[in-house]
Amino acid sequence: MKKYLSVLLINIALFAPAAQAAYIDYNGNVNADTNTSYSWVLGSTMWGAVESGDGTGTASSGFTSLNGLDISLFSFTFGDLELTDYLSPTATEAGFEYYSEGDGSIEQMQFFYDGGLWASATLNFLQVDVDNSSDASATGFGSANLTSYGLNDAFFNEVMLLTGGTGLLTFDISGFTPINSTGDFTSTGRISVSAVPLPAALWLFGPALLGFMGFRRKKSCI
């Protein structure tokens, strides 16, 4: 009996499903600066820095800390990233721009609700991808780690709980639209949190183990 129950408990721990990701969709803006000589798309060259960016929530799912709130009042800001790696696209091959902290001047990413600071984060990187040198529809992705909370700690604490204490947020940017020739773009994207599966497995494993231990104690008293 003990052998079979042990196998059952291991299976529960191994195959417990991960919690679904929580996410926030947003519309945003990005301001790039500093001309470079690195070729990009449609005869243009890469920008050497991302000076600033922001976003405003349009939809959300999975965040209990946002339940009942107006997602359009959720916003974020970031900035001061430098072009630290790149690959110029060709007519047949993809290229990318990789922006991260490169000048020692760190600007915290900040999250707000209705103007009040909710959390601060370190923005790790932002990458922009194109399929080839004729691709005018760049996409992107990036990540950040929450570092502290502000006037309200509910959002910060929920992200920390879901990520096992890492505070990791991932960004998927579905598109950039240039609005002028001076580096201003509009963007659309999604901020996601993927829940760590291990705590869920332990929550299932723990009660089962305690139940088994209780069963063994009762049996030994007979």
Protein backbone atom coordinates (compact mmCIF):
# COMPACT_ATOMS: atom_id res chain seq x y z
CA MET A 1 0.00 0.00 0.00
CA LYS A 2 2.77 2.40 0.93
CA LYS A 3 4.59 1.74 -2.35
CA TYR A 4 1.53 2.42 -4.49
CA LEU A 5 0.61 5.57 -2.55
CA SER A 6 4.15 6.89 -2.95
CA VAL A 7 3.90 6.42 -6.72
CA LEU A 8 0.55 8.25 -6.71
CA LEU A 9 2.03 11.17 -4.78
CA ILE A 10 4.96 11.45 -7.19
CA ASN A 11 2.58 11.47 -10.15
CA ILE A 12 0.52 14.24 -8.54
CA ALA A 13 3.64 16.34 -8.00
CA LEU A 14 4.99 15.77 -11.49
CA PHE A 15 1.80 16.28 -13.45
CA ALA A 16 0.07 19.05 -11.45
CA PRO A 17 -0.91 21.66 -14.06
CA ALA A 18 0.72 25.08 -13.97
CA ALA A 19 -1.57 27.98 -13.15
CA GLN A 20 -2.64 29.99 -16.17
CA ALA A 21 -0.73 33.16 -16.93
CA ALA A 22 -2.08 36.53 -15.87
CA TYR A 23 -1.75 39.34 -18.37
CA ILE A 24 -2.42 42.99 -19.13
CA ASP A 25 -2.88 44.24 -22.70
CA TYR A 26 -1.83 47.80 -23.40
CA ASN A 27 -1.42 50.56 -25.96
CA GLY A 28 1.81 52.48 -25.67
CA ASN A 29 4.39 54.88 -27.03
CA VAL A 30 8.14 54.60 -27.54
CA ASN A 31 10.63 57.39 -28.16
CA ALA A 32 13.92 56.35 -29.75
CA ASP A 33 16.97 58.56 -30.16
CA THR A 34 20.59 58.65 -31.38
CA ASN A 35 21.29 57.83 -35.00
CA THR A 36 23.62 54.96 -35.89
CA SER A 37 25.14 53.70 -39.13
CA TYR A 38 23.78 50.16 -38.69
CA SER A 39 21.42 49.28 -41.53
CA TRP A 40 17.84 48.40 -40.61
CA VAL A 41 14.74 48.20 -42.85
CA LEU A 42 13.59 50.07 -45.95
CA GLY A 43 16.88 51.95 -46.22
CA SER A 44 16.79 53.23 -42.62
CA THR A 45 19.38 52.82 -39.86
CA MET A 46 18.96 51.61 -36.27
CA TRP A 47 18.26 53.90 -33.36
CA GLY A 48 21.01 53.86 -30.73
CA ALA A 49 18.80 54.31 -27.66
CA VAL A 50 15.28 54.05 -26.32
CA GLU A 51 14.87 57.28 -24.39
CA SER A 52 11.41 56.65 -22.97
CA GLY A 53 8.28 54.59 -23.26
CA ASP A 54 4.87 54.24 -21.67
CA GLY A 55 1.69 52.20 -21.84
CA THR A 56 -1.94 52.27 -20.75
CA GLY A 57 -3.97 49.16 -19.99
CA THR A 58 -6.75 48.09 -22.36
CA ALA A 59 -7.67 44.63 -20.97
CA SER A 60 -6.53 42.20 -18.29
CA SER A 61 -7.08 38.66 -17.09
CA GLY A 62 -5.88 36.58 -14.16
CA PHE A 63 -4.88 39.40 -11.78
CA THR A 64 -7.09 39.37 -8.70
CA SER A 65 -5.44 42.64 -7.60
CA LEU A 66 -7.11 44.31 -10.60
CA ASN A 67 -10.58 42.84 -10.09
CA GLY A 68 -13.23 45.54 -10.12
CA LEU A 69 -10.77 48.25 -11.18
CA ASP A 70 -10.75 50.33 -14.35
CA ILE A 71 -7.88 48.85 -16.39
CA SER A 72 -7.61 52.07 -18.41
CA LEU A 73 -6.23 53.68 -15.21
CA PHE A 74 -3.35 51.18 -15.09
CA SER A 75 -0.19 52.52 -16.74
CA PHE A 76 3.57 52.20 -16.81
CA THR A 77 6.67 54.16 -17.85
CA PHE A 78 10.23 53.17 -18.70
CA GLY A 79 13.30 54.55 -20.38
CA ASP A 80 17.05 54.91 -20.84
CA LEU A 81 18.05 51.76 -22.72
CA GLU A 82 20.97 51.62 -25.14
CA LEU A 83 21.57 49.52 -28.25
CA THR A 84 23.94 46.89 -26.87
CA ASP A 85 23.60 44.19 -29.54
CA TYR A 86 22.22 44.04 -33.05
CA LEU A 87 22.04 42.14 -36.33
CA SER A 88 21.24 44.00 -39.52
CA PRO A 89 18.64 42.22 -41.64
CA THR A 90 19.23 41.30 -45.25
CA ALA A 91 16.83 40.76 -48.12
CA THR A 92 16.42 37.13 -47.04
CA GLU A 93 17.48 37.00 -43.38
CA ALA A 94 16.04 38.38 -40.14
CA GLY A 95 17.60 41.06 -37.98
CA PHE A 96 17.19 42.47 -34.48
CA GLU A 97 17.91 45.42 -32.21
CA TYR A 98 18.71 44.58 -28.55
CA TYR A 99 18.34 47.40 -26.03
CA SER A 100 19.53 47.10 -22.42
CA GLU A 101 21.32 49.16 -19.79
CA GLY A 102 24.56 50.30 -21.35
CA ASP A 103 25.59 53.67 -19.93
CA GLY A 104 25.32 53.09 -16.17
CA SER A 105 22.38 55.47 -15.84
CA ILE A 106 19.56 53.25 -14.55
CA GLU A 107 15.98 54.45 -14.84
CA GLN A 108 13.42 52.36 -13.00
CA MET A 109 10.35 51.09 -14.79
CA GLN A 110 7.27 52.16 -12.82
CA PHE A 111 3.67 50.96 -12.68
CA PHE A 112 0.80 53.24 -11.70
CA TYR A 113 -2.91 53.07 -11.02
CA ASP A 114 -4.87 56.30 -11.33
CA GLY A 115 -1.61 58.24 -11.00
CA GLY A 116 -0.49 56.49 -7.80
CA LEU A 117 2.73 54.45 -7.84
CA TRP A 118 2.01 50.74 -7.39
CA ALA A 119 5.38 49.13 -8.12
CA SER A 120 8.88 49.70 -9.47
CA ALA A 121 10.93 47.32 -11.59
CA THR A 122 14.23 46.85 -13.34
CA LEU A 123 13.75 46.60 -17.10
CA ASN A 124 16.15 43.89 -18.26
CA PHE A 125 15.99 44.29 -22.03
CA LEU A 126 13.86 45.12 -25.03
CA GLN A 127 14.41 43.38 -28.37
CA VAL A 128 12.94 44.44 -31.71
CA ASP A 129 12.73 41.85 -34.51
CA VAL A 130 12.14 42.04 -38.26
CA ASP A 131 11.94 39.22 -40.80
CA ASN A 132 14.07 40.91 -43.47
CA SER A 133 15.24 44.31 -44.71
CA SER A 134 11.86 44.95 -46.38
CA ASP A 135 9.80 44.16 -43.28
CA ALA A 136 8.05 47.32 -42.09
CA SER A 137 6.12 45.53 -39.29
CA ALA A 138 8.61 45.03 -36.46
CA THR A 139 7.62 43.06 -33.35
CA GLY A 140 9.35 42.85 -29.99
CA PHE A 141 9.70 41.27 -26.60
CA GLY A 142 11.42 41.94 -23.27
CA SER A 143 11.37 41.38 -19.54
CA ALA A 144 11.48 43.18 -16.20
CA ASN A 145 11.66 42.20 -12.53
CA LEU A 146 9.62 43.96 -9.88
CA THR A 147 11.83 45.35 -7.11
CA SER A 148 9.54 47.30 -4.75
CA TYR A 149 5.96 48.39 -4.16
CA GLY A 150 4.47 51.83 -3.79
CA LEU A 151 1.22 53.19 -2.34
CA ASN A 152 -0.58 49.87 -2.87
CA ASP A 153 1.23 46.54 -2.48
CA ALA A 154 -1.51 44.22 -3.84
CA PHE A 155 -0.22 44.07 -7.43
CA PHE A 156 3.40 43.66 -6.31
CA ASN A 157 2.55 40.90 -3.84
CA GLU A 158 0.43 39.02 -6.38
CA VAL A 159 3.19 39.05 -8.99
CA MET A 160 5.70 37.88 -6.39
CA LEU A 161 3.40 35.05 -5.33
CA LEU A 162 2.73 33.92 -8.89
CA THR A 163 6.41 33.98 -9.88
CA GLY A 164 7.83 32.30 -6.79
CA GLY A 165 9.45 35.53 -5.60
CA THR A 166 11.23 36.52 -8.81
CA GLY A 167 8.78 39.24 -9.83
CA LEU A 168 9.42 38.40 -13.49
CA LEU A 169 7.23 40.16 -16.06
CA THR A 170 7.50 39.37 -19.78
CA PHE A 171 6.56 41.69 -22.63
CA ASP A 172 5.29 40.67 -26.05
CA ILE A 173 4.98 43.62 -28.40
CA SER A 174 2.79 42.88 -31.39
CA GLY A 175 3.80 45.92 -33.40
CA PHE A 176 5.44 49.34 -33.66
CA THR A 177 4.00 52.09 -35.82
CA PRO A 178 6.24 55.08 -36.64
CA ILE A 179 4.46 58.40 -36.32
CA ASN A 180 7.32 60.64 -37.47
CA SER A 181 10.95 60.48 -38.60
CA THR A 182 12.38 61.55 -35.26
CA GLY A 183 12.00 58.23 -33.40
CA ASP A 184 8.45 58.33 -32.08
CA PHE A 185 6.38 55.15 -32.33
CA THR A 186 3.07 53.86 -31.07
CA SER A 187 2.93 50.23 -29.96
CA THR A 188 0.59 47.51 -28.77
CA GLY A 189 1.54 44.66 -26.50
CA ARG A 190 0.95 42.38 -23.55
CA ILE A 191 2.56 42.14 -20.10
CA SER A 192 2.41 38.57 -18.81
CA VAL A 193 3.14 36.68 -15.62
CA SER A 194 3.59 32.92 -15.90
CA ALA A 195 2.87 31.18 -12.62
CA VAL A 196 5.57 28.85 -11.30
CA PRO A 197 4.13 25.29 -11.35
CA LEU A 198 6.13 23.91 -8.40
CA PRO A 199 4.14 25.52 -5.57
CA ALA A 200 0.92 24.13 -7.05
CA ALA A 201 2.43 20.66 -7.08
CA LEU A 202 3.55 21.03 -3.49
CA TRP A 203 0.11 22.19 -2.40
CA LEU A 204 -1.32 18.97 -3.83
CA PHE A 205 1.53 16.82 -2.56
CA GLY A 206 1.53 18.21 0.98
CA PRO A 207 -2.08 17.41 2.01
CA ALA A 208 -1.82 13.96 0.45
CA LEU A 209 1.37 13.27 2.37
CA LEU A 210 -0.18 14.46 5.63
CA GLY A 211 -3.19 12.26 5.00
CA PHE A 212 -0.95 9.28 4.41
CA MET A 213 0.99 9.99 7.62
CA GLY A 214 -2.28 10.18 9.55
CA PHE A 215 -3.38 6.89 8.05
CA ARG A 216 -0.12 5.24 9.13
CA ARG A 217 -0.42 6.61 12.67
CA LYS A 218 -3.96 5.33 13.05
CA LYS A 219 -3.00 1.92 11.71
CA SER A 220 -0.11 1.62 14.17
CA CYS A 221 -2.44 2.26 17.13
CA ILE A 222 -4.71 -0.70 16.31
